[in-house]
Amino acid sequence: MAITTIKYKIQIAQRFHALADQTRLEIIEKLKDGERCVCELTDALQAGQSRLSFHLKVLKEAGVIRDRPDGRWIYYSLDHDMIDELVDCLEAVRSAGKPIRGPRC
């Protein structure tokens, strides 16, 4: 069980790391309304394809987004199950207890 817990913590840390970048947050913002192809993201973010590809790779490896090839194009979308998992993680932290106020010693 401890190994699973460590693996889970590593996955959660990787996902939050993937979200800790302005460009990647902008990608997520563009994907919140649905699937977009790489060309749409490139235009919307006014980013070069190689730069955008790097950020999409980070998000995909972290499990934040999914890709779907269709002919010459690749379409990206949010992995809503993973987003729900991150929200649950944050909810667990928030409900764990209130901060201690006043002197601790």
PDB file of N, CA and C in Angstrom:
ATOM      1  N   MET A   1       0.823  -1.204   0.000  1.00  0.00           N
ATOM      2  CA  MET A   1       0.000   0.000   0.000  1.00  0.00           C
ATOM      3  C   MET A   1       0.860   1.257   0.000  1.00  0.00           C
ATOM      4  N   ALA A   2       1.978   1.232   0.708  1.00  0.00           N
ATOM      5  CA  ALA A   2       2.841   2.406   0.762  1.00  0.00           C
ATOM      6  C   ALA A   2       3.390   2.755  -0.616  1.00  0.00           C
ATOM      7  N   ILE A   3       3.683   1.738  -1.430  1.00  0.00           N
ATOM      8  CA  ILE A   3       4.208   2.000  -2.769  1.00  0.00           C
ATOM      9  C   ILE A   3       3.146   2.702  -3.611  1.00  0.00           C
ATOM     10  N   THR A   4       1.899   2.247  -3.522  1.00  0.00           N
ATOM     11  CA  THR A   4       0.813   2.886  -4.247  1.00  0.00           C
ATOM     12  C   THR A   4       0.657   4.325  -3.802  1.00  0.00           C
ATOM     13  N   THR A   5       0.763   4.566  -2.519  1.00  0.00           N
ATOM     14  CA  THR A   5       0.643   5.922  -1.993  1.00  0.00           C
ATOM     15  C   THR A   5       1.760   6.805  -2.540  1.00  0.00           C
ATOM     16  N   ILE A   6       2.973   6.295  -2.574  1.00  0.00           N
ATOM     17  CA  ILE A   6       4.098   7.059  -3.113  1.00  0.00           C
ATOM     18  C   ILE A   6       3.880   7.322  -4.599  1.00  0.00           C
ATOM     19  N   LYS A   7       3.455   6.305  -5.344  1.00  0.00           N
ATOM     20  CA  LYS A   7       3.196   6.468  -6.772  1.00  0.00           C
ATOM     21  C   LYS A   7       2.099   7.508  -7.002  1.00  0.00           C
ATOM     22  N   TYR A   8       1.051   7.450  -6.199  1.00  0.00           N
ATOM     23  CA  TYR A   8      -0.047   8.417  -6.314  1.00  0.00           C
ATOM     24  C   TYR A   8       0.451   9.831  -6.043  1.00  0.00           C
ATOM     25  N   LYS A   9       1.276   9.996  -5.016  1.00  0.00           N
ATOM     26  CA  LYS A   9       1.810  11.318  -4.688  1.00  0.00           C
ATOM     27  C   LYS A   9       2.692  11.854  -5.812  1.00  0.00           C
ATOM     28  N   ILE A  10       3.464  10.984  -6.425  1.00  0.00           N
ATOM     29  CA  ILE A  10       4.305  11.403  -7.544  1.00  0.00           C
ATOM     30  C   ILE A  10       3.437  11.853  -8.715  1.00  0.00           C
ATOM     31  N   GLN A  11       2.373  11.106  -8.999  1.00  0.00           N
ATOM     32  CA  GLN A  11       1.468  11.483 -10.090  1.00  0.00           C
ATOM     33  C   GLN A  11       0.802  12.826  -9.818  1.00  0.00           C
ATOM     34  N   ILE A  12       0.327  13.014  -8.600  1.00  0.00           N
ATOM     35  CA  ILE A  12      -0.320  14.283  -8.236  1.00  0.00           C
ATOM     36  C   ILE A  12       0.682  15.431  -8.359  1.00  0.00           C
ATOM     37  N   ALA A  13       1.897  15.234  -7.871  1.00  0.00           N
ATOM     38  CA  ALA A  13       2.927  16.270  -7.960  1.00  0.00           C
ATOM     39  C   ALA A  13       3.232  16.592  -9.422  1.00  0.00           C
ATOM     40  N   GLN A  14       3.314  15.575 -10.275  1.00  0.00           N
ATOM     41  CA  GLN A  14       3.578  15.792 -11.702  1.00  0.00           C
ATOM     42  C   GLN A  14       2.436  16.592 -12.336  1.00  0.00           C
ATOM     43  N   ARG A  15       1.222  16.310 -11.934  1.00  0.00           N
ATOM     44  CA  ARG A  15       0.072  17.031 -12.499  1.00  0.00           C
ATOM     45  C   ARG A  15       0.061  18.485 -12.064  1.00  0.00           C
ATOM     46  N   PHE A  16       0.329  18.723 -10.794  1.00  0.00           N
ATOM     47  CA  PHE A  16       0.370  20.112 -10.343  1.00  0.00           C
ATOM     48  C   PHE A  16       1.546  20.860 -10.963  1.00  0.00           C
ATOM     49  N   HIS A  17       2.662  20.175 -11.144  1.00  0.00           N
ATOM     50  CA  HIS A  17       3.808  20.801 -11.818  1.00  0.00           C
ATOM     51  C   HIS A  17       3.420  21.209 -13.246  1.00  0.00           C
ATOM     52  N   ALA A  18       2.685  20.334 -13.927  1.00  0.00           N
ATOM     53  CA  ALA A  18       2.257  20.637 -15.296  1.00  0.00           C
ATOM     54  C   ALA A  18       1.349  21.861 -15.322  1.00  0.00           C
ATOM     55  N   LEU A  19       0.624  22.096 -14.249  1.00  0.00           N
ATOM     56  CA  LEU A  19      -0.290  23.243 -14.184  1.00  0.00           C
ATOM     57  C   LEU A  19       0.418  24.526 -13.747  1.00  0.00           C
ATOM     58  N   ALA A  20       1.661  24.402 -13.325  1.00  0.00           N
ATOM     59  CA  ALA A  20       2.388  25.545 -12.769  1.00  0.00           C
ATOM     60  C   ALA A  20       3.150  26.323 -13.840  1.00  0.00           C
ATOM     61  N   ASP A  21       2.481  26.609 -14.926  1.00  0.00           N
ATOM     62  CA  ASP A  21       3.104  27.341 -16.022  1.00  0.00           C
ATOM     63  C   ASP A  21       2.016  28.153 -16.719  1.00  0.00           C
ATOM     64  N   GLN A  22       2.298  29.406 -16.980  1.00  0.00           N
ATOM     65  CA  GLN A  22       1.308  30.304 -17.569  1.00  0.00           C
ATOM     66  C   GLN A  22       0.828  29.818 -18.938  1.00  0.00           C
ATOM     67  N   THR A  23       1.738  29.380 -19.767  1.00  0.00           N
ATOM     68  CA  THR A  23       1.349  28.916 -21.100  1.00  0.00           C
ATOM     69  C   THR A  23       0.452  27.691 -21.007  1.00  0.00           C
ATOM     70  N   ARG A  24       0.804  26.762 -20.120  1.00  0.00           N
ATOM     71  CA  ARG A  24      -0.012  25.557 -19.979  1.00  0.00           C
ATOM     72  C   ARG A  24      -1.386  25.887 -19.397  1.00  0.00           C
ATOM     73  N   LEU A  25      -1.456  26.857 -18.521  1.00  0.00           N
ATOM     74  CA  LEU A  25      -2.760  27.288 -18.017  1.00  0.00           C
ATOM     75  C   LEU A  25      -3.589  27.926 -19.127  1.00  0.00           C
ATOM     76  N   GLU A  26      -2.943  28.654 -20.025  1.00  0.00           N
ATOM     77  CA  GLU A  26      -3.655  29.233 -21.169  1.00  0.00           C
ATOM     78  C   GLU A  26      -4.174  28.139 -22.097  1.00  0.00           C
ATOM     79  N   ILE A  27      -3.391  27.079 -22.271  1.00  0.00           N
ATOM     80  CA  ILE A  27      -3.852  25.942 -23.081  1.00  0.00           C
ATOM     81  C   ILE A  27      -5.096  25.333 -22.443  1.00  0.00           C
ATOM     82  N   ILE A  28      -5.054  25.120 -21.154  1.00  0.00           N
ATOM     83  CA  ILE A  28      -6.199  24.555 -20.445  1.00  0.00           C
ATOM     84  C   ILE A  28      -7.414  25.460 -20.573  1.00  0.00           C
ATOM     85  N   GLU A  29      -7.182  26.757 -20.491  1.00  0.00           N
ATOM     86  CA  GLU A  29      -8.277  27.725 -20.659  1.00  0.00           C
ATOM     87  C   GLU A  29      -8.928  27.559 -22.033  1.00  0.00           C
ATOM     88  N   LYS A  30      -8.118  27.371 -23.058  1.00  0.00           N
ATOM     89  CA  LYS A  30      -8.651  27.202 -24.413  1.00  0.00           C
ATOM     90  C   LYS A  30      -9.385  25.865 -24.569  1.00  0.00           C
ATOM     91  N   LEU A  31      -8.964  24.850 -23.814  1.00  0.00           N
ATOM     92  CA  LEU A  31      -9.572  23.531 -23.935  1.00  0.00           C
ATOM     93  C   LEU A  31     -10.810  23.354 -23.058  1.00  0.00           C
ATOM     94  N   LYS A  32     -11.073  24.295 -22.174  1.00  0.00           N
ATOM     95  CA  LYS A  32     -12.207  24.110 -21.252  1.00  0.00           C
ATOM     96  C   LYS A  32     -13.542  24.076 -21.983  1.00  0.00           C
ATOM     97  N   ASP A  33     -13.606  24.679 -23.157  1.00  0.00           N
ATOM     98  CA  ASP A  33     -14.854  24.693 -23.922  1.00  0.00           C
ATOM     99  C   ASP A  33     -14.942  23.537 -24.910  1.00  0.00           C
ATOM    100  N   GLY A  34     -13.939  22.677 -24.928  1.00  0.00           N
ATOM    101  CA  GLY A  34     -13.992  21.511 -25.800  1.00  0.00           C
ATOM    102  C   GLY A  34     -12.706  21.281 -26.560  1.00  0.00           C
ATOM    103  N   GLU A  35     -12.745  20.268 -27.367  1.00  0.00           N
ATOM    104  CA  GLU A  35     -11.593  19.804 -28.135  1.00  0.00           C
ATOM    105  C   GLU A  35     -11.125  20.861 -29.138  1.00  0.00           C
ATOM    106  N   ARG A  36      -9.804  20.972 -29.263  1.00  0.00           N
ATOM    107  CA  ARG A  36      -9.213  21.916 -30.236  1.00  0.00           C
ATOM    108  C   ARG A  36      -8.056  21.227 -30.937  1.00  0.00           C
ATOM    109  N   CYS A  37      -7.861  21.571 -32.201  1.00  0.00           N
ATOM    110  CA  CYS A  37      -6.701  21.020 -32.913  1.00  0.00           C
ATOM    111  C   CYS A  37      -5.495  21.916 -32.641  1.00  0.00           C
ATOM    112  N   VAL A  38      -4.338  21.377 -32.944  1.00  0.00           N
ATOM    113  CA  VAL A  38      -3.093  22.088 -32.686  1.00  0.00           C
ATOM    114  C   VAL A  38      -3.045  23.419 -33.430  1.00  0.00           C
ATOM    115  N   CYS A  39      -3.564  23.453 -34.627  1.00  0.00           N
ATOM    116  CA  CYS A  39      -3.526  24.709 -35.400  1.00  0.00           C
ATOM    117  C   CYS A  39      -4.391  25.777 -34.725  1.00  0.00           C
ATOM    118  N   GLU A  40      -5.527  25.390 -34.158  1.00  0.00           N
ATOM    119  CA  GLU A  40      -6.375  26.346 -33.443  1.00  0.00           C
ATOM    120  C   GLU A  40      -5.669  26.881 -32.201  1.00  0.00           C
ATOM    121  N   LEU A  41      -4.984  25.990 -31.489  1.00  0.00           N
ATOM    122  CA  LEU A  41      -4.258  26.414 -30.284  1.00  0.00           C
ATOM    123  C   LEU A  41      -3.099  27.333 -30.645  1.00  0.00           C
ATOM    124  N   THR A  42      -2.395  27.010 -31.719  1.00  0.00           N
ATOM    125  CA  THR A  42      -1.280  27.847 -32.164  1.00  0.00           C
ATOM    126  C   THR A  42      -1.765  29.256 -32.475  1.00  0.00           C
ATOM    127  N   ASP A  43      -2.873  29.354 -33.198  1.00  0.00           N
ATOM    128  CA  ASP A  43      -3.437  30.667 -33.531  1.00  0.00           C
ATOM    129  C   ASP A  43      -3.946  31.391 -32.287  1.00  0.00           C
ATOM    130  N   ALA A  44      -4.684  30.678 -31.445  1.00  0.00           N
ATOM    131  CA  ALA A  44      -5.298  31.296 -30.274  1.00  0.00           C
ATOM    132  C   ALA A  44      -4.264  31.803 -29.276  1.00  0.00           C
ATOM    133  N   LEU A  45      -3.171  31.078 -29.155  1.00  0.00           N
ATOM    134  CA  LEU A  45      -2.143  31.444 -28.174  1.00  0.00           C
ATOM    135  C   LEU A  45      -1.013  32.250 -28.792  1.00  0.00           C
ATOM    136  N   GLN A  46      -1.048  32.423 -30.104  1.00  0.00           N
ATOM    137  CA  GLN A  46       0.013  33.112 -30.828  1.00  0.00           C
ATOM    138  C   GLN A  46       1.382  32.576 -30.411  1.00  0.00           C
ATOM    139  N   ALA A  47       1.474  31.233 -30.467  1.00  0.00           N
ATOM    140  CA  ALA A  47       2.697  30.554 -30.054  1.00  0.00           C
ATOM    141  C   ALA A  47       3.229  29.731 -31.218  1.00  0.00           C
ATOM    142  N   GLY A  48       4.535  29.576 -31.254  1.00  0.00           N
ATOM    143  CA  GLY A  48       5.145  28.725 -32.258  1.00  0.00           C
ATOM    144  C   GLY A  48       4.780  27.275 -32.018  1.00  0.00           C
ATOM    145  N   GLN A  49       4.741  26.495 -33.085  1.00  0.00           N
ATOM    146  CA  GLN A  49       4.322  25.104 -32.959  1.00  0.00           C
ATOM    147  C   GLN A  49       5.264  24.289 -32.083  1.00  0.00           C
ATOM    148  N   SER A  50       6.565  24.518 -32.168  1.00  0.00           N
ATOM    149  CA  SER A  50       7.498  23.732 -31.349  1.00  0.00           C
ATOM    150  C   SER A  50       7.326  24.052 -29.868  1.00  0.00           C
ATOM    151  N   ARG A  51       7.129  25.334 -29.560  1.00  0.00           N
ATOM    152  CA  ARG A  51       6.907  25.736 -28.163  1.00  0.00           C
ATOM    153  C   ARG A  51       5.602  25.141 -27.639  1.00  0.00           C
ATOM    154  N   LEU A  52       4.565  25.229 -28.447  1.00  0.00           N
ATOM    155  CA  LEU A  52       3.273  24.695 -28.064  1.00  0.00           C
ATOM    156  C   LEU A  52       3.338  23.177 -27.906  1.00  0.00           C
ATOM    157  N   SER A  53       4.037  22.506 -28.810  1.00  0.00           N
ATOM    158  CA  SER A  53       4.176  21.049 -28.738  1.00  0.00           C
ATOM    159  C   SER A  53       4.836  20.616 -27.439  1.00  0.00           C
ATOM    160  N   PHE A  54       5.842  21.372 -26.997  1.00  0.00           N
ATOM    161  CA  PHE A  54       6.500  21.055 -25.725  1.00  0.00           C
ATOM    162  C   PHE A  54       5.494  21.112 -24.577  1.00  0.00           C
ATOM    163  N   HIS A  55       4.707  22.171 -24.513  1.00  0.00           N
ATOM    164  CA  HIS A  55       3.749  22.332 -23.420  1.00  0.00           C
ATOM    165  C   HIS A  55       2.636  21.292 -23.494  1.00  0.00           C
ATOM    166  N   LEU A  56       2.199  20.964 -24.700  1.00  0.00           N
ATOM    167  CA  LEU A  56       1.187  19.921 -24.848  1.00  0.00           C
ATOM    168  C   LEU A  56       1.730  18.567 -24.388  1.00  0.00           C
ATOM    169  N   LYS A  57       2.992  18.305 -24.667  1.00  0.00           N
ATOM    170  CA  LYS A  57       3.625  17.051 -24.239  1.00  0.00           C
ATOM    171  C   LYS A  57       3.658  16.969 -22.716  1.00  0.00           C
ATOM    172  N   VAL A  58       4.014  18.061 -22.057  1.00  0.00           N
ATOM    173  CA  VAL A  58       4.055  18.068 -20.591  1.00  0.00           C
ATOM    174  C   VAL A  58       2.664  17.788 -20.019  1.00  0.00           C
ATOM    175  N   LEU A  59       1.658  18.457 -20.566  1.00  0.00           N
ATOM    176  CA  LEU A  59       0.285  18.255 -20.094  1.00  0.00           C
ATOM    177  C   LEU A  59      -0.196  16.831 -20.362  1.00  0.00           C
ATOM    178  N   LYS A  60       0.152  16.299 -21.510  1.00  0.00           N
ATOM    179  CA  LYS A  60      -0.267  14.938 -21.850  1.00  0.00           C
ATOM    180  C   LYS A  60       0.420  13.910 -20.953  1.00  0.00           C
ATOM    181  N   GLU A  61       1.720  14.054 -20.752  1.00  0.00           N
ATOM    182  CA  GLU A  61       2.455  13.115 -19.896  1.00  0.00           C
ATOM    183  C   GLU A  61       1.952  13.149 -18.460  1.00  0.00           C
ATOM    184  N   ALA A  62       1.470  14.306 -18.027  1.00  0.00           N
ATOM    185  CA  ALA A  62       0.926  14.431 -16.676  1.00  0.00           C
ATOM    186  C   ALA A  62      -0.511  13.919 -16.594  1.00  0.00           C
ATOM    187  N   GLY A  63      -1.105  13.636 -17.738  1.00  0.00           N
ATOM    188  CA  GLY A  63      -2.465  13.123 -17.746  1.00  0.00           C
ATOM    189  C   GLY A  63      -3.539  14.194 -17.702  1.00  0.00           C
ATOM    190  N   VAL A  64      -3.141  15.436 -17.890  1.00  0.00           N
ATOM    191  CA  VAL A  64      -4.084  16.552 -17.816  1.00  0.00           C
ATOM    192  C   VAL A  64      -4.931  16.633 -19.084  1.00  0.00           C
ATOM    193  N   ILE A  65      -4.328  16.300 -20.225  1.00  0.00           N
ATOM    194  CA  ILE A  65      -5.047  16.354 -21.496  1.00  0.00           C
ATOM    195  C   ILE A  65      -4.925  15.019 -22.227  1.00  0.00           C
ATOM    196  N   ARG A  66      -5.809  14.858 -23.194  1.00  0.00           N
ATOM    197  CA  ARG A  66      -5.787  13.690 -24.071  1.00  0.00           C
ATOM    198  C   ARG A  66      -5.604  14.186 -25.505  1.00  0.00           C
ATOM    199  N   ASP A  67      -5.098  13.305 -26.344  1.00  0.00           N
ATOM    200  CA  ASP A  67      -5.025  13.668 -27.758  1.00  0.00           C
ATOM    201  C   ASP A  67      -5.742  12.623 -28.592  1.00  0.00           C
ATOM    202  N   ARG A  68      -6.201  13.076 -29.758  1.00  0.00           N
ATOM    203  CA  ARG A  68      -6.921  12.200 -30.687  1.00  0.00           C
ATOM    204  C   ARG A  68      -6.499  12.559 -32.099  1.00  0.00           C
ATOM    205  N   PRO A  69      -5.790  11.631 -32.761  1.00  0.00           N
ATOM    206  CA  PRO A  69      -5.421  11.911 -34.146  1.00  0.00           C
ATOM    207  C   PRO A  69      -6.638  11.773 -35.062  1.00  0.00           C
ATOM    208  N   ASP A  70      -6.706  12.651 -36.035  1.00  0.00           N
ATOM    209  CA  ASP A  70      -7.765  12.592 -37.046  1.00  0.00           C
ATOM    210  C   ASP A  70      -7.161  13.067 -38.362  1.00  0.00           C
ATOM    211  N   GLY A  71      -6.775  12.112 -39.187  1.00  0.00           N
ATOM    212  CA  GLY A  71      -6.095  12.459 -40.435  1.00  0.00           C
ATOM    213  C   GLY A  71      -4.745  13.085 -40.144  1.00  0.00           C
ATOM    214  N   ARG A  72      -4.535  14.264 -40.710  1.00  0.00           N
ATOM    215  CA  ARG A  72      -3.258  14.970 -40.509  1.00  0.00           C
ATOM    216  C   ARG A  72      -3.201  15.726 -39.194  1.00  0.00           C
ATOM    217  N   TRP A  73      -4.312  15.882 -38.535  1.00  0.00           N
ATOM    218  CA  TRP A  73      -4.382  16.735 -37.344  1.00  0.00           C
ATOM    219  C   TRP A  73      -4.479  15.922 -36.065  1.00  0.00           C
ATOM    220  N   ILE A  74      -4.032  16.545 -34.990  1.00  0.00           N
ATOM    221  CA  ILE A  74      -4.203  15.968 -33.656  1.00  0.00           C
ATOM    222  C   ILE A  74      -5.074  16.933 -32.873  1.00  0.00           C
ATOM    223  N   TYR A  75      -6.100  16.388 -32.266  1.00  0.00           N
ATOM    224  CA  TYR A  75      -7.025  17.178 -31.460  1.00  0.00           C
ATOM    225  C   TYR A  75      -6.765  16.906 -29.984  1.00  0.00           C
ATOM    226  N   TYR A  76      -6.815  17.969 -29.190  1.00  0.00           N
ATOM    227  CA  TYR A  76      -6.545  17.872 -27.758  1.00  0.00           C
ATOM    228  C   TYR A  76      -7.796  18.239 -26.972  1.00  0.00           C
ATOM    229  N   SER A  77      -7.949  17.570 -25.838  1.00  0.00           N
ATOM    230  CA  SER A  77      -9.062  17.867 -24.937  1.00  0.00           C
ATOM    231  C   SER A  77      -8.614  17.617 -23.503  1.00  0.00           C
ATOM    232  N   LEU A  78      -9.345  18.201 -22.573  1.00  0.00           N
ATOM    233  CA  LEU A  78      -9.058  17.979 -21.160  1.00  0.00           C
ATOM    234  C   LEU A  78      -9.469  16.564 -20.769  1.00  0.00           C
ATOM    235  N   ASP A  79      -8.717  15.980 -19.856  1.00  0.00           N
ATOM    236  CA  ASP A  79      -9.114  14.702 -19.265  1.00  0.00           C
ATOM    237  C   ASP A  79      -9.923  15.054 -18.022  1.00  0.00           C
ATOM    238  N   HIS A  80     -11.231  15.080 -18.154  1.00  0.00           N
ATOM    239  CA  HIS A  80     -12.100  15.543 -17.079  1.00  0.00           C
ATOM    240  C   HIS A  80     -12.044  14.641 -15.844  1.00  0.00           C
ATOM    241  N   ASP A  81     -11.794  13.350 -16.029  1.00  0.00           N
ATOM    242  CA  ASP A  81     -11.654  12.455 -14.877  1.00  0.00           C
ATOM    243  C   ASP A  81     -10.449  12.870 -14.033  1.00  0.00           C
ATOM    244  N   MET A  82      -9.348  13.211 -14.696  1.00  0.00           N
ATOM    245  CA  MET A  82      -8.153  13.628 -13.972  1.00  0.00           C
ATOM    246  C   MET A  82      -8.381  14.979 -13.300  1.00  0.00           C
ATOM    247  N   ILE A  83      -9.085  15.887 -13.976  1.00  0.00           N
ATOM    248  CA  ILE A  83      -9.393  17.189 -13.380  1.00  0.00           C
ATOM    249  C   ILE A  83     -10.221  16.983 -12.111  1.00  0.00           C
ATOM    250  N   ASP A  84     -11.204  16.088 -12.181  1.00  0.00           N
ATOM    251  CA  ASP A  84     -12.018  15.773 -10.999  1.00  0.00           C
ATOM    252  C   ASP A  84     -11.152  15.210  -9.872  1.00  0.00           C
ATOM    253  N   GLU A  85     -10.171  14.394 -10.230  1.00  0.00           N
ATOM    254  CA  GLU A  85      -9.267  13.819  -9.236  1.00  0.00           C
ATOM    255  C   GLU A  85      -8.452  14.917  -8.532  1.00  0.00           C
ATOM    256  N   LEU A  86      -7.977  15.890  -9.303  1.00  0.00           N
ATOM    257  CA  LEU A  86      -7.230  16.997  -8.705  1.00  0.00           C
ATOM    258  C   LEU A  86      -8.128  17.846  -7.808  1.00  0.00           C
ATOM    259  N   VAL A  87      -9.350  18.072  -8.238  1.00  0.00           N
ATOM    260  CA  VAL A  87     -10.301  18.827  -7.412  1.00  0.00           C
ATOM    261  C   VAL A  87     -10.559  18.068  -6.111  1.00  0.00           C
ATOM    262  N   ASP A  88     -10.747  16.752  -6.190  1.00  0.00           N
ATOM    263  CA  ASP A  88     -10.952  15.940  -4.990  1.00  0.00           C
ATOM    264  C   ASP A  88      -9.746  16.035  -4.054  1.00  0.00           C
ATOM    265  N   CYS A  89      -8.553  16.022  -4.628  1.00  0.00           N
ATOM    266  CA  CYS A  89      -7.330  16.140  -3.835  1.00  0.00           C
ATOM    267  C   CYS A  89      -7.302  17.470  -3.092  1.00  0.00           C
ATOM    268  N   LEU A  90      -7.622  18.548  -3.792  1.00  0.00           N
ATOM    269  CA  LEU A  90      -7.643  19.865  -3.158  1.00  0.00           C
ATOM    270  C   LEU A  90      -8.749  19.977  -2.108  1.00  0.00           C
ATOM    271  N   GLU A  91      -9.896  19.370  -2.385  1.00  0.00           N
ATOM    272  CA  GLU A  91     -10.987  19.368  -1.408  1.00  0.00           C
ATOM    273  C   GLU A  91     -10.571  18.643  -0.137  1.00  0.00           C
ATOM    274  N   ALA A  92      -9.839  17.540  -0.276  1.00  0.00           N
ATOM    275  CA  ALA A  92      -9.372  16.790   0.884  1.00  0.00           C
ATOM    276  C   ALA A  92      -8.416  17.622   1.722  1.00  0.00           C
ATOM    277  N   VAL A  93      -7.572  18.386   1.060  1.00  0.00           N
ATOM    278  CA  VAL A  93      -6.638  19.255   1.783  1.00  0.00           C
ATOM    279  C   VAL A  93      -7.404  20.355   2.503  1.00  0.00           C
ATOM    280  N   ARG A  94      -8.389  20.945   1.800  1.00  0.00           N
ATOM    281  CA  ARG A  94      -9.155  22.036   2.401  1.00  0.00           C
ATOM    282  C   ARG A  94      -9.961  21.560   3.596  1.00  0.00           C
ATOM    283  N   SER A  95     -10.511  20.369   3.520  1.00  0.00           N
ATOM    284  CA  SER A  95     -11.360  19.893   4.605  1.00  0.00           C
ATOM    285  C   SER A  95     -10.573  19.215   5.718  1.00  0.00           C
ATOM    286  N   ALA A  96      -9.267  19.118   5.587  1.00  0.00           N
ATOM    287  CA  ALA A  96      -8.438  18.423   6.584  1.00  0.00           C
ATOM    288  C   ALA A  96      -8.429  19.146   7.926  1.00  0.00           C
ATOM    289  N   GLY A  97      -8.657  20.405   7.955  1.00  0.00           N
ATOM    290  CA  GLY A  97      -8.673  21.134   9.215  1.00  0.00           C
ATOM    291  C   GLY A  97      -8.413  22.595   8.991  1.00  0.00           C
ATOM    292  N   LYS A  98      -8.739  23.343   9.970  1.00  0.00           N
ATOM    293  CA  LYS A  98      -8.534  24.790   9.897  1.00  0.00           C
ATOM    294  C   LYS A  98      -7.117  25.112  10.357  1.00  0.00           C
ATOM    295  N   PRO A  99      -6.558  26.213   9.863  1.00  0.00           N
ATOM    296  CA  PRO A  99      -5.211  26.581  10.299  1.00  0.00           C
ATOM    297  C   PRO A  99      -5.190  26.936  11.785  1.00  0.00           C
ATOM    298  N   ILE A 100      -4.053  26.653  12.389  1.00  0.00           N
ATOM    299  CA  ILE A 100      -3.882  26.994  13.802  1.00  0.00           C
ATOM    300  C   ILE A 100      -3.621  28.473  13.915  1.00  0.00           C
ATOM    301  N   ARG A 101      -4.360  29.116  14.787  1.00  0.00           N
ATOM    302  CA  ARG A 101      -4.180  30.558  14.973  1.00  0.00           C
ATOM    303  C   ARG A 101      -3.557  30.825  16.341  1.00  0.00           C
ATOM    304  N   GLY A 102      -2.800  31.858  16.385  1.00  0.00           N
ATOM    305  CA  GLY A 102      -2.170  32.224  17.647  1.00  0.00           C
ATOM    306  C   GLY A 102      -0.827  31.517  17.808  1.00  0.00           C
ATOM    307  N   PRO A 103      -0.210  31.733  18.938  1.00  0.00           N
ATOM    308  CA  PRO A 103       1.119  31.137  19.163  1.00  0.00           C
ATOM    309  C   PRO A 103       1.057  29.620  19.212  1.00  0.00           C
ATOM    310  N   ARG A 104       2.073  28.996  18.687  1.00  0.00           N
ATOM    311  CA  ARG A 104       2.146  27.539  18.684  1.00  0.00           C
ATOM    312  C   ARG A 104       2.937  26.999  19.854  1.00  0.00           C
ATOM    313  N   CYS A 105       3.726  27.804  20.474  1.00  0.00           N
ATOM    314  CA  CYS A 105       4.575  27.317  21.579  1.00  0.00           C
ATOM    315  C   CYS A 105       4.014  27.724  22.924  1.00  0.00           C
TER     316      CYS A 105
END
